[in-house]
Amino acid sequence: MKVVHALPFPGVGGTEVGTVRIMEAVAPHGVTSHALLVHPSSELRAYIEAVNVTVTDAAPVPQPSLRGARAFLSDSRRLAAQLQALHPDLVHCADILAAYHISVACRMAGIPVLCQVRSRYGELPFRERFMV
């Protein structure tokens, strides 16, 4: 099984540490991980590559917008093609922000999406619920 882990933040913090722990925990069970950086940085790239996981920058990063719906759908189509080329069985969004940007592209590509929401809030705002 191949899982693409979409990481939305450029730095290394709790989301990134937790995702690397998931990557390391599932590897002995035949799961191959691949990191998709929504907002790439050299720090994050080095952190992920240190555990021998391949890293790809999301390009383009769709910006959800009703006013900019054409650009959003166009960028989502291009990202869907990029995701399909990686041949994942599942995309894991490491935070709601990752899902906010790439969930539509995943659906266009026909790839199942799992979104891990790390939050103490009981309900997500409409804008986030709309995208996931």
Protein backbone atom coordinates (compact mmCIF):
# COMPACT_ATOMS: atom_id res chain seq x y z
CA MET A 1 0.00 0.00 0.00
CA LYS A 2 1.21 3.51 -0.78
CA VAL A 3 0.12 6.54 1.26
CA VAL A 4 0.77 10.14 0.30
CA HIS A 5 0.94 12.31 3.41
CA ALA A 6 -0.03 15.92 2.63
CA LEU A 7 1.71 18.32 4.99
CA PRO A 8 0.31 21.87 5.00
CA PHE A 9 2.85 23.83 7.04
CA PRO A 10 6.39 24.87 6.02
CA GLY A 11 7.96 24.36 9.45
CA VAL A 12 8.55 21.35 11.65
CA GLY A 13 6.13 21.14 14.56
CA GLY A 14 3.62 18.76 16.10
CA THR A 15 1.83 17.93 12.84
CA GLU A 16 5.06 17.05 11.08
CA VAL A 17 6.51 15.07 13.99
CA GLY A 18 3.26 13.13 14.33
CA THR A 19 3.16 12.38 10.60
CA VAL A 20 6.75 11.11 10.58
CA ARG A 21 5.87 8.86 13.51
CA ILE A 22 2.97 7.46 11.49
CA MET A 23 5.28 6.91 8.49
CA GLU A 24 7.77 5.03 10.67
CA ALA A 25 5.08 2.98 12.42
CA VAL A 26 3.43 1.70 9.22
CA ALA A 27 6.62 0.98 7.24
CA PRO A 28 7.23 -2.48 8.80
CA HIS A 29 3.72 -3.45 7.67
CA GLY A 30 4.43 -2.89 3.98
CA VAL A 31 3.12 0.66 3.74
CA THR A 32 5.20 2.98 1.59
CA SER A 33 4.96 6.66 2.50
CA HIS A 34 5.44 9.67 0.27
CA ALA A 35 5.29 13.28 1.51
CA LEU A 36 3.47 15.99 -0.43
CA LEU A 37 4.45 19.45 0.78
CA VAL A 38 1.68 22.02 0.38
CA HIS A 39 3.97 24.86 1.49
CA PRO A 40 7.50 23.51 0.97
CA SER A 41 10.58 24.58 2.88
CA SER A 42 14.13 23.29 3.03
CA GLU A 43 13.72 22.61 6.77
CA LEU A 44 10.65 20.41 6.26
CA ARG A 45 12.15 18.67 3.22
CA ALA A 46 15.30 17.75 5.19
CA TYR A 47 13.24 16.54 8.16
CA ILE A 48 11.16 14.18 5.99
CA GLU A 49 14.06 12.99 3.84
CA ALA A 50 16.00 12.11 7.02
CA VAL A 51 13.61 9.16 7.50
CA ASN A 52 14.09 8.02 3.87
CA VAL A 53 10.70 9.20 2.63
CA THR A 54 10.41 10.68 -0.84
CA VAL A 55 9.19 14.28 -0.92
CA THR A 56 7.26 16.12 -3.64
CA ASP A 57 6.11 19.74 -3.68
CA ALA A 58 2.43 20.24 -4.47
CA ALA A 59 2.25 22.29 -7.64
CA PRO A 60 0.03 24.11 -8.04
CA VAL A 61 -1.58 24.57 -4.63
CA PRO A 62 -5.30 25.17 -5.24
CA GLN A 63 -6.68 28.17 -3.37
CA PRO A 64 -10.34 27.51 -2.52
CA SER A 65 -12.45 30.48 -3.54
CA LEU A 66 -15.95 30.95 -4.87
CA ARG A 67 -14.86 34.13 -6.64
CA GLY A 68 -11.84 32.37 -8.11
CA ALA A 69 -13.64 29.09 -8.84
CA ARG A 70 -12.14 28.68 -12.33
CA ALA A 71 -8.57 29.01 -11.09
CA PHE A 72 -9.33 26.72 -8.15
CA LEU A 73 -10.80 24.00 -10.39
CA SER A 74 -7.99 24.35 -12.93
CA ASP A 75 -5.31 24.09 -10.23
CA SER A 76 -7.20 21.18 -8.64
CA ARG A 77 -7.20 19.33 -11.98
CA ARG A 78 -3.44 19.82 -12.35
CA LEU A 79 -2.83 18.67 -8.78
CA ALA A 80 -5.10 15.67 -9.39
CA ALA A 81 -2.86 14.67 -12.31
CA GLN A 82 0.22 15.10 -10.09
CA LEU A 83 -1.36 12.89 -7.42
CA GLN A 84 -2.38 10.23 -9.95
CA ALA A 85 1.23 10.09 -11.18
CA LEU A 86 2.30 9.12 -7.63
CA HIS A 87 -0.12 6.11 -7.69
CA PRO A 88 -1.23 6.29 -4.05
CA ASP A 89 -3.86 4.06 -2.50
CA LEU A 90 -4.71 6.78 0.03
CA VAL A 91 -3.96 10.44 0.71
CA HIS A 92 -3.54 11.33 4.38
CA CYS A 93 -4.10 15.03 5.08
CA ALA A 94 -2.01 15.72 8.15
CA ASP A 95 -4.23 18.64 9.19
CA ILE A 96 -7.44 20.35 8.10
CA LEU A 97 -5.39 22.93 6.18
CA ALA A 98 -3.99 20.21 3.91
CA ALA A 99 -7.50 18.93 3.19
CA TYR A 100 -8.66 22.49 2.58
CA HIS A 101 -6.20 22.81 -0.30
CA ILE A 102 -6.09 19.32 -1.82
CA SER A 103 -9.26 17.35 -1.01
CA VAL A 104 -11.03 18.38 -4.22
CA ALA A 105 -7.99 17.34 -6.28
CA CYS A 106 -8.00 13.97 -4.52
CA ARG A 107 -11.65 13.47 -5.35
CA MET A 108 -11.04 14.45 -8.97
CA ALA A 109 -8.24 11.88 -9.08
CA GLY A 110 -10.44 9.20 -7.52
CA ILE A 111 -8.08 8.75 -4.57
CA PRO A 112 -9.53 8.17 -1.09
CA VAL A 113 -8.71 10.87 1.45
CA LEU A 114 -8.26 10.59 5.20
CA CYS A 115 -8.07 13.87 7.09
CA GLN A 116 -6.55 13.92 10.55
CA VAL A 117 -7.93 16.92 12.44
CA ARG A 118 -5.72 17.97 15.33
CA SER A 119 -7.90 20.39 17.22
CA ARG A 120 -9.67 20.81 20.50
CA TYR A 121 -12.71 22.37 18.85
CA GLY A 122 -15.86 20.26 18.68
CA GLU A 123 -17.04 21.62 15.35
CA LEU A 124 -15.26 22.84 12.26
CA PRO A 125 -16.28 26.14 10.68
CA PHE A 126 -18.44 25.90 7.54
CA ARG A 127 -15.54 26.90 5.29
CA GLU A 128 -13.51 23.87 6.41
CA ARG A 129 -16.49 21.47 6.44
CA PHE A 130 -17.34 22.56 2.90
CA MET A 131 -13.94 21.43 1.58
CA VAL A 132 -13.64 18.06 3.31
